[in-house]
Amino acid sequence: MKRRNFLYTVTGGLISMSALTGLKRFTDGLAQEESLMPVLFIGHGSPMNGIENNPFSQQWEKTAKSIPVPKAILVVSAHWLTNGTFVTAMDRPQTIHDFGGFPEELFAVQYPAPGNPQLAAETKALITSTNVGLNHDWGLDHGAWTVVRRMYPDAGIPVLQLSIDYSKGAEYHYNLAKELAALRSKGVLIIGSGNMVHNLRMIAWDKMDTPNYGFDWAIEMHELFKQKITDGDHQSLIRYESLSKSAKLAIPTPDHYYPLMYILGLQGKNEAPVFFNDQLVAGSLNMTSVQFG
């Protein structure tokens, strides 16, 4: 293990309060917004959505144009799973190609958005329920850059990632999200990037080009998730395993589901969900996305 990684593991990237006070706070220079920045859960699907001009990527572009331009972006991606919670804190996050078997064109993509160490320190300070490490080794994985690249192609907005502590359950992540709420009033766009229905082992490869094709169990959970989100029934969504026997097929592992918990935890009072990209793909996936605010 690199010495720096070992120190992050042991200390969580601990910084003293005096050091934090000495930093020029990123949000000090941001005006208090009259309304809260929206929050988004985005079904990111295949990495190819990052370079293909298809209905999903087109809708990401439309969504970006329909909301205020963010001062910064914080992404909770299904592809950064850690023991403990970390936030990227480097000036220039690398573009991570964390996949295989795709065209070279995809591996050649770079998304050179800046990071923001000051905002990372502030994010760490906002979260008091656990120690948050400041990470300088990760970057932007494909759960982040494939989406944000389509939304903000100029790469001029700072982008940070918050990791998912995979040793914790859904309720932990839901409650942790609430501690990030202050960022919404400062123009920070928070995105959860995953998929509500995500079972790669059961993909119907012969149905990849069949629009909105889903197995019966995927259709059932697809509709159940939307209904519970519409009803504001967060507790049922936190305890998703109890919704139906089909839940084990829709979410065989919770990595792609946990980002939804962050967006539900950030939902404000009287904020109704707006669904988009609401389609099933290849039998066992869905691209359903939701906006609050």
C-alpha atoms as a PDB file:
ATOM      1  CA  MET A   1       0.000   0.000   0.000  1.00  0.00           C
ATOM      2  CA  LYS A   2       1.309   3.460  -0.846  1.00  0.00           C
ATOM      3  CA  ARG A   3       2.271   5.462   2.224  1.00  0.00           C
ATOM      4  CA  ARG A   4      -0.250   8.147   1.266  1.00  0.00           C
ATOM      5  CA  ASN A   5      -3.062   5.607   0.882  1.00  0.00           C
ATOM      6  CA  PHE A   6      -2.120   4.105   4.263  1.00  0.00           C
ATOM      7  CA  LEU A   7      -2.375   7.505   5.909  1.00  0.00           C
ATOM      8  CA  TYR A   8      -5.809   8.081   4.372  1.00  0.00           C
ATOM      9  CA  THR A   9      -6.950   4.723   5.700  1.00  0.00           C
ATOM     10  CA  VAL A  10      -5.654   5.351   9.212  1.00  0.00           C
ATOM     11  CA  THR A  11      -6.485   9.038   9.618  1.00  0.00           C
ATOM     12  CA  GLY A  12      -9.275   9.480   7.106  1.00  0.00           C
ATOM     13  CA  GLY A  13      -7.340  12.418   5.656  1.00  0.00           C
ATOM     14  CA  LEU A  14      -7.857  14.223   8.981  1.00  0.00           C
ATOM     15  CA  ILE A  15      -7.363  17.962   8.973  1.00  0.00           C
ATOM     16  CA  SER A  16      -7.523  20.170  12.022  1.00  0.00           C
ATOM     17  CA  MET A  17     -10.227  22.776  12.514  1.00  0.00           C
ATOM     18  CA  SER A  18      -7.536  25.455  12.624  1.00  0.00           C
ATOM     19  CA  ALA A  19      -6.305  24.333   9.221  1.00  0.00           C
ATOM     20  CA  LEU A  20      -9.843  24.410   7.856  1.00  0.00           C
ATOM     21  CA  THR A  21     -10.359  27.902   9.274  1.00  0.00           C
ATOM     22  CA  GLY A  22      -7.187  28.996   7.521  1.00  0.00           C
ATOM     23  CA  LEU A  23      -8.501  27.891   4.144  1.00  0.00           C
ATOM     24  CA  LYS A  24     -10.332  30.350   1.951  1.00  0.00           C
ATOM     25  CA  ARG A  25     -13.739  28.697   1.940  1.00  0.00           C
ATOM     26  CA  PHE A  26     -14.949  27.957  -1.579  1.00  0.00           C
ATOM     27  CA  THR A  27     -18.574  28.763  -0.799  1.00  0.00           C
ATOM     28  CA  ASP A  28     -17.720  32.061   0.938  1.00  0.00           C
ATOM     29  CA  GLY A  29     -17.496  33.537  -2.533  1.00  0.00           C
ATOM     30  CA  LEU A  30     -20.830  32.125  -3.626  1.00  0.00           C
ATOM     31  CA  ALA A  31     -24.009  34.057  -3.152  1.00  0.00           C
ATOM     32  CA  GLN A  32     -26.826  32.410  -1.229  1.00  0.00           C
ATOM     33  CA  GLU A  33     -29.209  31.177  -3.896  1.00  0.00           C
ATOM     34  CA  GLU A  34     -32.842  32.254  -3.739  1.00  0.00           C
ATOM     35  CA  SER A  35     -33.833  28.665  -4.467  1.00  0.00           C
ATOM     36  CA  LEU A  36     -32.100  25.376  -3.840  1.00  0.00           C
ATOM     37  CA  MET A  37     -30.037  23.752  -6.552  1.00  0.00           C
ATOM     38  CA  PRO A  38     -31.836  20.667  -7.899  1.00  0.00           C
ATOM     39  CA  VAL A  39     -30.528  17.217  -7.061  1.00  0.00           C
ATOM     40  CA  LEU A  40     -30.399  14.411  -9.622  1.00  0.00           C
ATOM     41  CA  PHE A  41     -30.342  10.650  -9.604  1.00  0.00           C
ATOM     42  CA  ILE A  42     -29.136   9.587 -13.037  1.00  0.00           C
ATOM     43  CA  GLY A  43     -29.284   6.073 -14.423  1.00  0.00           C
ATOM     44  CA  HIS A  44     -25.948   6.010 -16.202  1.00  0.00           C
ATOM     45  CA  GLY A  45     -26.127   2.592 -17.877  1.00  0.00           C
ATOM     46  CA  SER A  46     -23.416   1.628 -20.337  1.00  0.00           C
ATOM     47  CA  PRO A  47     -20.203   3.699 -20.514  1.00  0.00           C
ATOM     48  CA  MET A  48     -20.973   4.094 -24.221  1.00  0.00           C
ATOM     49  CA  ASN A  49     -23.658   6.614 -23.278  1.00  0.00           C
ATOM     50  CA  GLY A  50     -20.755   8.954 -22.620  1.00  0.00           C
ATOM     51  CA  ILE A  51     -19.889   9.118 -26.327  1.00  0.00           C
ATOM     52  CA  GLU A  52     -23.022   7.976 -28.161  1.00  0.00           C
ATOM     53  CA  ASN A  53     -25.635  10.452 -29.297  1.00  0.00           C
ATOM     54  CA  ASN A  54     -28.711   8.576 -28.108  1.00  0.00           C
ATOM     55  CA  PRO A  55     -31.968   9.462 -26.294  1.00  0.00           C
ATOM     56  CA  PHE A  56     -30.375   8.983 -22.882  1.00  0.00           C
ATOM     57  CA  SER A  57     -27.370  11.231 -23.467  1.00  0.00           C
ATOM     58  CA  GLN A  58     -29.559  13.761 -25.271  1.00  0.00           C
ATOM     59  CA  GLN A  59     -31.779  13.979 -22.204  1.00  0.00           C
ATOM     60  CA  TRP A  60     -28.762  14.551 -19.951  1.00  0.00           C
ATOM     61  CA  GLU A  61     -27.880  17.507 -22.151  1.00  0.00           C
ATOM     62  CA  LYS A  62     -31.452  18.828 -21.989  1.00  0.00           C
ATOM     63  CA  THR A  63     -31.538  18.470 -18.226  1.00  0.00           C
ATOM     64  CA  ALA A  64     -28.362  20.529 -17.867  1.00  0.00           C
ATOM     65  CA  LYS A  65     -29.906  23.309 -19.930  1.00  0.00           C
ATOM     66  CA  SER A  66     -33.102  23.271 -17.861  1.00  0.00           C
ATOM     67  CA  ILE A  67     -31.450  23.907 -14.467  1.00  0.00           C
ATOM     68  CA  PRO A  68     -29.209  26.719 -13.189  1.00  0.00           C
ATOM     69  CA  VAL A  69     -25.552  26.423 -14.110  1.00  0.00           C
ATOM     70  CA  PRO A  70     -23.881  24.925 -11.026  1.00  0.00           C
ATOM     71  CA  LYS A  71     -20.913  26.494  -9.283  1.00  0.00           C
ATOM     72  CA  ALA A  72     -19.566  22.982  -8.664  1.00  0.00           C
ATOM     73  CA  ILE A  73     -20.714  19.373  -8.971  1.00  0.00           C
ATOM     74  CA  LEU A  74     -20.532  16.594  -6.376  1.00  0.00           C
ATOM     75  CA  VAL A  75     -21.107  13.074  -7.744  1.00  0.00           C
ATOM     76  CA  VAL A  76     -21.889   9.950  -5.737  1.00  0.00           C
ATOM     77  CA  SER A  77     -21.016   7.185  -8.193  1.00  0.00           C
ATOM     78  CA  ALA A  78     -21.787   3.482  -7.971  1.00  0.00           C
ATOM     79  CA  HIS A  79     -18.212   2.835  -9.080  1.00  0.00           C
ATOM     80  CA  TRP A  80     -16.309   4.250  -6.117  1.00  0.00           C
ATOM     81  CA  LEU A  81     -16.805   1.803  -3.264  1.00  0.00           C
ATOM     82  CA  THR A  82     -14.610   2.185  -0.202  1.00  0.00           C
ATOM     83  CA  ASN A  83     -14.224   1.172   3.414  1.00  0.00           C
ATOM     84  CA  GLY A  84     -15.040   4.518   4.980  1.00  0.00           C
ATOM     85  CA  THR A  85     -16.174   7.717   3.291  1.00  0.00           C
ATOM     86  CA  PHE A  86     -13.866   9.810   1.120  1.00  0.00           C
ATOM     87  CA  VAL A  87     -14.111  12.899  -1.067  1.00  0.00           C
ATOM     88  CA  THR A  88     -11.751  13.734  -3.931  1.00  0.00           C
ATOM     89  CA  ALA A  89      -9.567  16.680  -3.002  1.00  0.00           C
ATOM     90  CA  MET A  90      -7.118  17.146  -5.850  1.00  0.00           C
ATOM     91  CA  ASP A  91      -6.821  20.165  -8.154  1.00  0.00           C
ATOM     92  CA  ARG A  92      -7.015  18.067 -11.326  1.00  0.00           C
ATOM     93  CA  PRO A  93      -8.876  14.759 -11.051  1.00  0.00           C
ATOM     94  CA  GLN A  94      -7.864  12.111 -13.569  1.00  0.00           C
ATOM     95  CA  THR A  95     -10.349  10.556 -15.993  1.00  0.00           C
ATOM     96  CA  ILE A  96     -10.667   6.910 -14.934  1.00  0.00           C
ATOM     97  CA  HIS A  97     -11.478   4.281 -17.559  1.00  0.00           C
ATOM     98  CA  ASP A  98     -12.738   1.649 -15.148  1.00  0.00           C
ATOM     99  CA  PHE A  99     -14.162  -0.825 -17.654  1.00  0.00           C
ATOM    100  CA  GLY A 100     -13.078  -3.281 -20.308  1.00  0.00           C
ATOM    101  CA  GLY A 101     -14.139  -4.619 -23.673  1.00  0.00           C
ATOM    102  CA  PHE A 102     -15.227  -1.299 -25.164  1.00  0.00           C
ATOM    103  CA  PRO A 103     -13.975   0.549 -28.279  1.00  0.00           C
ATOM    104  CA  GLU A 104     -10.694   2.440 -28.104  1.00  0.00           C
ATOM    105  CA  GLU A 105     -12.652   5.614 -28.772  1.00  0.00           C
ATOM    106  CA  LEU A 106     -14.109   5.359 -25.277  1.00  0.00           C
ATOM    107  CA  PHE A 107     -10.719   4.802 -23.625  1.00  0.00           C
ATOM    108  CA  ALA A 108      -9.364   7.864 -25.416  1.00  0.00           C
ATOM    109  CA  VAL A 109     -11.881  10.214 -23.783  1.00  0.00           C
ATOM    110  CA  GLN A 110     -10.502  12.688 -21.284  1.00  0.00           C
ATOM    111  CA  TYR A 111     -12.698  14.970 -19.211  1.00  0.00           C
ATOM    112  CA  PRO A 112     -10.325  17.601 -17.777  1.00  0.00           C
ATOM    113  CA  ALA A 113     -12.688  19.272 -15.321  1.00  0.00           C
ATOM    114  CA  PRO A 114     -10.939  20.843 -12.325  1.00  0.00           C
ATOM    115  CA  GLY A 115     -11.378  19.648  -8.783  1.00  0.00           C
ATOM    116  CA  ASN A 116     -11.620  21.933  -5.769  1.00  0.00           C
ATOM    117  CA  PRO A 117      -9.690  21.089  -2.582  1.00  0.00           C
ATOM    118  CA  GLN A 118     -11.413  23.895  -0.677  1.00  0.00           C
ATOM    119  CA  LEU A 119     -14.863  22.528  -1.426  1.00  0.00           C
ATOM    120  CA  ALA A 120     -13.627  19.045  -0.523  1.00  0.00           C
ATOM    121  CA  ALA A 121     -12.527  20.332   2.898  1.00  0.00           C
ATOM    122  CA  GLU A 122     -15.891  22.017   3.387  1.00  0.00           C
ATOM    123  CA  THR A 123     -17.729  18.839   2.409  1.00  0.00           C
ATOM    124  CA  LYS A 124     -15.658  16.946   4.956  1.00  0.00           C
ATOM    125  CA  ALA A 125     -16.532  19.522   7.623  1.00  0.00           C
ATOM    126  CA  LEU A 126     -20.257  19.330   6.860  1.00  0.00           C
ATOM    127  CA  ILE A 127     -20.349  15.598   7.568  1.00  0.00           C
ATOM    128  CA  THR A 128     -20.129  15.085  11.324  1.00  0.00           C
ATOM    129  CA  SER A 129     -21.591  11.583  11.644  1.00  0.00           C
ATOM    130  CA  THR A 130     -18.380   9.984  10.366  1.00  0.00           C
ATOM    131  CA  ASN A 131     -14.840  10.992   9.531  1.00  0.00           C
ATOM    132  CA  VAL A 132     -14.411  11.806   5.831  1.00  0.00           C
ATOM    133  CA  GLY A 133     -11.053  11.266   4.195  1.00  0.00           C
ATOM    134  CA  LEU A 134      -9.573  13.677   1.667  1.00  0.00           C
ATOM    135  CA  ASN A 135      -8.517  11.543  -1.304  1.00  0.00           C
ATOM    136  CA  HIS A 136      -5.882  12.507  -3.869  1.00  0.00           C
ATOM    137  CA  ASP A 137      -5.670   9.212  -5.775  1.00  0.00           C
ATOM    138  CA  TRP A 138      -9.082   8.527  -7.321  1.00  0.00           C
ATOM    139  CA  GLY A 139     -10.455  11.016  -9.837  1.00  0.00           C
ATOM    140  CA  LEU A 140     -13.604  10.775 -11.971  1.00  0.00           C
ATOM    141  CA  ASP A 141     -14.799   7.259 -12.745  1.00  0.00           C
ATOM    142  CA  HIS A 142     -17.199   6.456 -15.568  1.00  0.00           C
ATOM    143  CA  GLY A 143     -20.224   6.820 -13.303  1.00  0.00           C
ATOM    144  CA  ALA A 144     -19.254  10.483 -13.073  1.00  0.00           C
ATOM    145  CA  TRP A 145     -17.544  11.606 -16.266  1.00  0.00           C
ATOM    146  CA  THR A 146     -19.763   9.835 -18.820  1.00  0.00           C
ATOM    147  CA  VAL A 147     -22.750  11.762 -17.454  1.00  0.00           C
ATOM    148  CA  VAL A 148     -21.164  15.105 -16.566  1.00  0.00           C
ATOM    149  CA  ARG A 149     -19.250  15.253 -19.846  1.00  0.00           C
ATOM    150  CA  ARG A 150     -22.553  15.211 -21.759  1.00  0.00           C
ATOM    151  CA  MET A 151     -24.161  17.746 -19.433  1.00  0.00           C
ATOM    152  CA  TYR A 152     -21.219  20.185 -19.311  1.00  0.00           C
ATOM    153  CA  PRO A 153     -18.912  19.430 -22.267  1.00  0.00           C
ATOM    154  CA  ASP A 154     -16.694  22.478 -21.708  1.00  0.00           C
ATOM    155  CA  ALA A 155     -15.306  20.865 -18.520  1.00  0.00           C
ATOM    156  CA  GLY A 156     -15.132  24.249 -16.820  1.00  0.00           C
ATOM    157  CA  ILE A 157     -17.086  23.400 -13.657  1.00  0.00           C
ATOM    158  CA  PRO A 158     -15.259  21.827 -10.685  1.00  0.00           C
ATOM    159  CA  VAL A 159     -16.262  18.180 -10.183  1.00  0.00           C
ATOM    160  CA  LEU A 160     -15.753  16.184  -6.983  1.00  0.00           C
ATOM    161  CA  GLN A 161     -16.714  12.630  -6.083  1.00  0.00           C
ATOM    162  CA  LEU A 162     -17.959  11.323  -2.749  1.00  0.00           C
ATOM    163  CA  SER A 163     -17.297   7.622  -2.205  1.00  0.00           C
ATOM    164  CA  ILE A 164     -19.791   5.011  -1.040  1.00  0.00           C
ATOM    165  CA  ASP A 165     -18.827   3.262   2.190  1.00  0.00           C
ATOM    166  CA  TYR A 166     -19.742  -0.248   1.082  1.00  0.00           C
ATOM    167  CA  SER A 167     -19.591  -1.593   4.619  1.00  0.00           C
ATOM    168  CA  LYS A 168     -22.757   0.384   5.458  1.00  0.00           C
ATOM    169  CA  GLY A 169     -26.406  -0.122   4.561  1.00  0.00           C
ATOM    170  CA  ALA A 170     -28.948   1.996   2.722  1.00  0.00           C
ATOM    171  CA  GLU A 171     -30.145   3.903   5.786  1.00  0.00           C
ATOM    172  CA  TYR A 172     -26.612   5.036   6.586  1.00  0.00           C
ATOM    173  CA  HIS A 173     -26.244   6.587   3.141  1.00  0.00           C
ATOM    174  CA  TYR A 174     -29.697   8.151   3.288  1.00  0.00           C
ATOM    175  CA  ASN A 175     -28.876   9.861   6.599  1.00  0.00           C
ATOM    176  CA  LEU A 176     -25.387  10.880   5.494  1.00  0.00           C
ATOM    177  CA  ALA A 177     -26.883  12.700   2.517  1.00  0.00           C
ATOM    178  CA  LYS A 178     -28.866  14.998   4.785  1.00  0.00           C
ATOM    179  CA  GLU A 179     -25.624  16.453   6.081  1.00  0.00           C
ATOM    180  CA  LEU A 180     -24.830  17.706   2.562  1.00  0.00           C
ATOM    181  CA  ALA A 181     -28.012  19.762   2.231  1.00  0.00           C
ATOM    182  CA  ALA A 182     -26.262  23.097   2.819  1.00  0.00           C
ATOM    183  CA  LEU A 183     -24.406  22.680  -0.482  1.00  0.00           C
ATOM    184  CA  ARG A 184     -27.692  22.990  -2.391  1.00  0.00           C
ATOM    185  CA  SER A 185     -28.133  26.578  -1.230  1.00  0.00           C
ATOM    186  CA  LYS A 186     -24.678  27.469  -2.544  1.00  0.00           C
ATOM    187  CA  GLY A 187     -25.194  26.322  -6.109  1.00  0.00           C
ATOM    188  CA  VAL A 188     -23.561  22.901  -5.848  1.00  0.00           C
ATOM    189  CA  LEU A 189     -25.249  20.269  -8.032  1.00  0.00           C
ATOM    190  CA  ILE A 190     -25.334  16.878  -6.314  1.00  0.00           C
ATOM    191  CA  ILE A 191     -25.731  13.871  -8.603  1.00  0.00           C
ATOM    192  CA  GLY A 192     -26.273  10.247  -7.620  1.00  0.00           C
ATOM    193  CA  SER A 193     -25.148   8.056 -10.526  1.00  0.00           C
ATOM    194  CA  GLY A 194     -26.198   4.420 -10.631  1.00  0.00           C
ATOM    195  CA  ASN A 195     -29.228   2.378 -11.759  1.00  0.00           C
ATOM    196  CA  MET A 196     -32.347   1.411  -9.813  1.00  0.00           C
ATOM    197  CA  VAL A 197     -32.637  -1.923 -11.626  1.00  0.00           C
ATOM    198  CA  HIS A 198     -29.209  -3.357 -12.363  1.00  0.00           C
ATOM    199  CA  ASN A 199     -28.531  -7.044 -12.955  1.00  0.00           C
ATOM    200  CA  LEU A 200     -25.709  -7.467 -15.465  1.00  0.00           C
ATOM    201  CA  ARG A 201     -25.691 -11.265 -15.190  1.00  0.00           C
ATOM    202  CA  MET A 202     -29.197 -11.501 -16.618  1.00  0.00           C
ATOM    203  CA  ILE A 203     -28.892  -9.082 -19.540  1.00  0.00           C
ATOM    204  CA  ALA A 204     -30.809 -10.195 -22.633  1.00  0.00           C
ATOM    205  CA  TRP A 205     -28.114  -9.435 -25.192  1.00  0.00           C
ATOM    206  CA  ASP A 206     -30.476 -10.273 -28.049  1.00  0.00           C
ATOM    207  CA  LYS A 207     -32.838  -7.524 -26.820  1.00  0.00           C
ATOM    208  CA  MET A 208     -30.305  -4.704 -26.561  1.00  0.00           C
ATOM    209  CA  ASP A 209     -31.971  -2.845 -29.429  1.00  0.00           C
ATOM    210  CA  THR A 210     -35.555  -3.556 -28.341  1.00  0.00           C
ATOM    211  CA  PRO A 211     -36.947  -0.338 -26.836  1.00  0.00           C
ATOM    212  CA  ASN A 212     -38.123  -0.503 -23.229  1.00  0.00           C
ATOM    213  CA  TYR A 213     -37.755  -4.281 -22.926  1.00  0.00           C
ATOM    214  CA  GLY A 214     -37.831  -5.710 -19.423  1.00  0.00           C
ATOM    215  CA  PHE A 215     -38.309  -9.061 -17.752  1.00  0.00           C
ATOM    216  CA  ASP A 216     -41.428  -9.356 -15.593  1.00  0.00           C
ATOM    217  CA  TRP A 217     -39.474  -8.940 -12.350  1.00  0.00           C
ATOM    218  CA  ALA A 218     -37.667  -5.878 -13.723  1.00  0.00           C
ATOM    219  CA  ILE A 219     -40.946  -4.285 -14.794  1.00  0.00           C
ATOM    220  CA  GLU A 220     -42.418  -4.955 -11.356  1.00  0.00           C
ATOM    221  CA  MET A 221     -39.517  -3.307  -9.499  1.00  0.00           C
ATOM    222  CA  HIS A 222     -39.270  -0.500 -12.036  1.00  0.00           C
ATOM    223  CA  GLU A 223     -42.863   0.465 -11.296  1.00  0.00           C
ATOM    224  CA  LEU A 224     -42.577  -0.129  -7.552  1.00  0.00           C
ATOM    225  CA  PHE A 225     -39.553   2.133  -7.234  1.00  0.00           C
ATOM    226  CA  LYS A 226     -41.275   4.926  -9.143  1.00  0.00           C
ATOM    227  CA  GLN A 227     -44.446   4.594  -7.088  1.00  0.00           C
ATOM    228  CA  LYS A 228     -42.589   4.733  -3.775  1.00  0.00           C
ATOM    229  CA  ILE A 229     -40.560   7.730  -4.949  1.00  0.00           C
ATOM    230  CA  THR A 230     -43.757   9.496  -6.042  1.00  0.00           C
ATOM    231  CA  ASP A 231     -45.394   8.713  -2.687  1.00  0.00           C
ATOM    232  CA  GLY A 232     -42.362   9.963  -0.777  1.00  0.00           C
ATOM    233  CA  ASP A 233     -42.144   6.585   0.953  1.00  0.00           C
ATOM    234  CA  HIS A 234     -38.445   6.708   1.687  1.00  0.00           C
ATOM    235  CA  GLN A 235     -38.559   4.058   4.390  1.00  0.00           C
ATOM    236  CA  SER A 236     -39.823   1.439   1.953  1.00  0.00           C
ATOM    237  CA  LEU A 237     -37.061   2.398  -0.475  1.00  0.00           C
ATOM    238  CA  ILE A 238     -34.452   2.138   2.271  1.00  0.00           C
ATOM    239  CA  ARG A 239     -35.770  -1.348   3.066  1.00  0.00           C
ATOM    240  CA  TYR A 240     -36.045  -2.264  -0.601  1.00  0.00           C
ATOM    241  CA  GLU A 241     -35.460  -5.974   0.044  1.00  0.00           C
ATOM    242  CA  SER A 242     -38.902  -6.129   1.671  1.00  0.00           C
ATOM    243  CA  LEU A 243     -40.766  -4.621  -1.273  1.00  0.00           C
ATOM    244  CA  SER A 244     -40.953  -7.844  -3.275  1.00  0.00           C
ATOM    245  CA  LYS A 245     -39.172 -11.104  -3.952  1.00  0.00           C
ATOM    246  CA  SER A 246     -38.193  -9.477  -7.247  1.00  0.00           C
ATOM    247  CA  ALA A 247     -35.958  -7.020  -5.368  1.00  0.00           C
ATOM    248  CA  LYS A 248     -33.175  -9.609  -5.142  1.00  0.00           C
ATOM    249  CA  LEU A 249     -33.155  -9.900  -8.923  1.00  0.00           C
ATOM    250  CA  ALA A 250     -33.342  -6.159  -9.527  1.00  0.00           C
ATOM    251  CA  ILE A 251     -30.628  -5.389  -6.975  1.00  0.00           C
ATOM    252  CA  PRO A 252     -28.376  -8.443  -6.571  1.00  0.00           C
ATOM    253  CA  THR A 253     -25.760  -6.068  -5.126  1.00  0.00           C
ATOM    254  CA  PRO A 254     -26.626  -2.567  -3.837  1.00  0.00           C
ATOM    255  CA  ASP A 255     -23.733  -0.595  -5.361  1.00  0.00           C
ATOM    256  CA  HIS A 256     -25.856   0.932  -8.142  1.00  0.00           C
ATOM    257  CA  TYR A 257     -28.822   1.482  -5.835  1.00  0.00           C
ATOM    258  CA  TYR A 258     -27.072   3.363  -3.034  1.00  0.00           C
ATOM    259  CA  PRO A 259     -26.618   6.594  -5.059  1.00  0.00           C
ATOM    260  CA  LEU A 260     -30.420   6.884  -5.083  1.00  0.00           C
ATOM    261  CA  MET A 261     -30.345   6.999  -1.269  1.00  0.00           C
ATOM    262  CA  TYR A 262     -28.308  10.184  -1.379  1.00  0.00           C
ATOM    263  CA  ILE A 263     -30.793  11.936  -3.638  1.00  0.00           C
ATOM    264  CA  LEU A 264     -33.759  10.805  -1.549  1.00  0.00           C
ATOM    265  CA  GLY A 265     -31.991  12.047   1.576  1.00  0.00           C
ATOM    266  CA  LEU A 266     -31.551  15.449  -0.079  1.00  0.00           C
ATOM    267  CA  GLN A 267     -35.154  15.776  -1.249  1.00  0.00           C
ATOM    268  CA  GLY A 268     -36.638  18.961   0.156  1.00  0.00           C
ATOM    269  CA  LYS A 269     -40.096  19.439   1.579  1.00  0.00           C
ATOM    270  CA  ASN A 270     -42.732  19.775  -1.138  1.00  0.00           C
ATOM    271  CA  GLU A 271     -40.261  18.804  -3.885  1.00  0.00           C
ATOM    272  CA  ALA A 272     -42.081  16.486  -6.278  1.00  0.00           C
ATOM    273  CA  PRO A 273     -40.118  14.016  -8.402  1.00  0.00           C
ATOM    274  CA  VAL A 274     -39.657  14.569 -12.114  1.00  0.00           C
ATOM    275  CA  PHE A 275     -38.745  11.353 -13.922  1.00  0.00           C
ATOM    276  CA  PHE A 276     -36.752  11.198 -17.140  1.00  0.00           C
ATOM    277  CA  ASN A 277     -35.042   8.531 -19.264  1.00  0.00           C
ATOM    278  CA  ASP A 278     -37.735   6.285 -17.854  1.00  0.00           C
ATOM    279  CA  GLN A 279     -36.993   3.098 -19.803  1.00  0.00           C
ATOM    280  CA  LEU A 280     -35.979  -0.506 -19.270  1.00  0.00           C
ATOM    281  CA  VAL A 281     -32.982  -1.820 -21.197  1.00  0.00           C
ATOM    282  CA  ALA A 282     -32.059  -5.377 -22.242  1.00  0.00           C
ATOM    283  CA  GLY A 283     -34.456  -7.011 -19.816  1.00  0.00           C
ATOM    284  CA  SER A 284     -32.566  -6.486 -16.562  1.00  0.00           C
ATOM    285  CA  LEU A 285     -31.612  -2.800 -16.405  1.00  0.00           C
ATOM    286  CA  ASN A 286     -33.420   0.495 -16.243  1.00  0.00           C
ATOM    287  CA  MET A 287     -32.256   4.010 -17.020  1.00  0.00           C
ATOM    288  CA  THR A 288     -34.926   5.708 -14.930  1.00  0.00           C
ATOM    289  CA  SER A 289     -33.695   8.988 -13.502  1.00  0.00           C
ATOM    290  CA  VAL A 290     -35.279  11.505 -11.172  1.00  0.00           C
ATOM    291  CA  GLN A 291     -34.912  15.194 -10.373  1.00  0.00           C
ATOM    292  CA  PHE A 292     -35.954  16.996  -7.211  1.00  0.00           C
ATOM    293  CA  GLY A 293     -36.121  20.772  -7.218  1.00  0.00           C
END
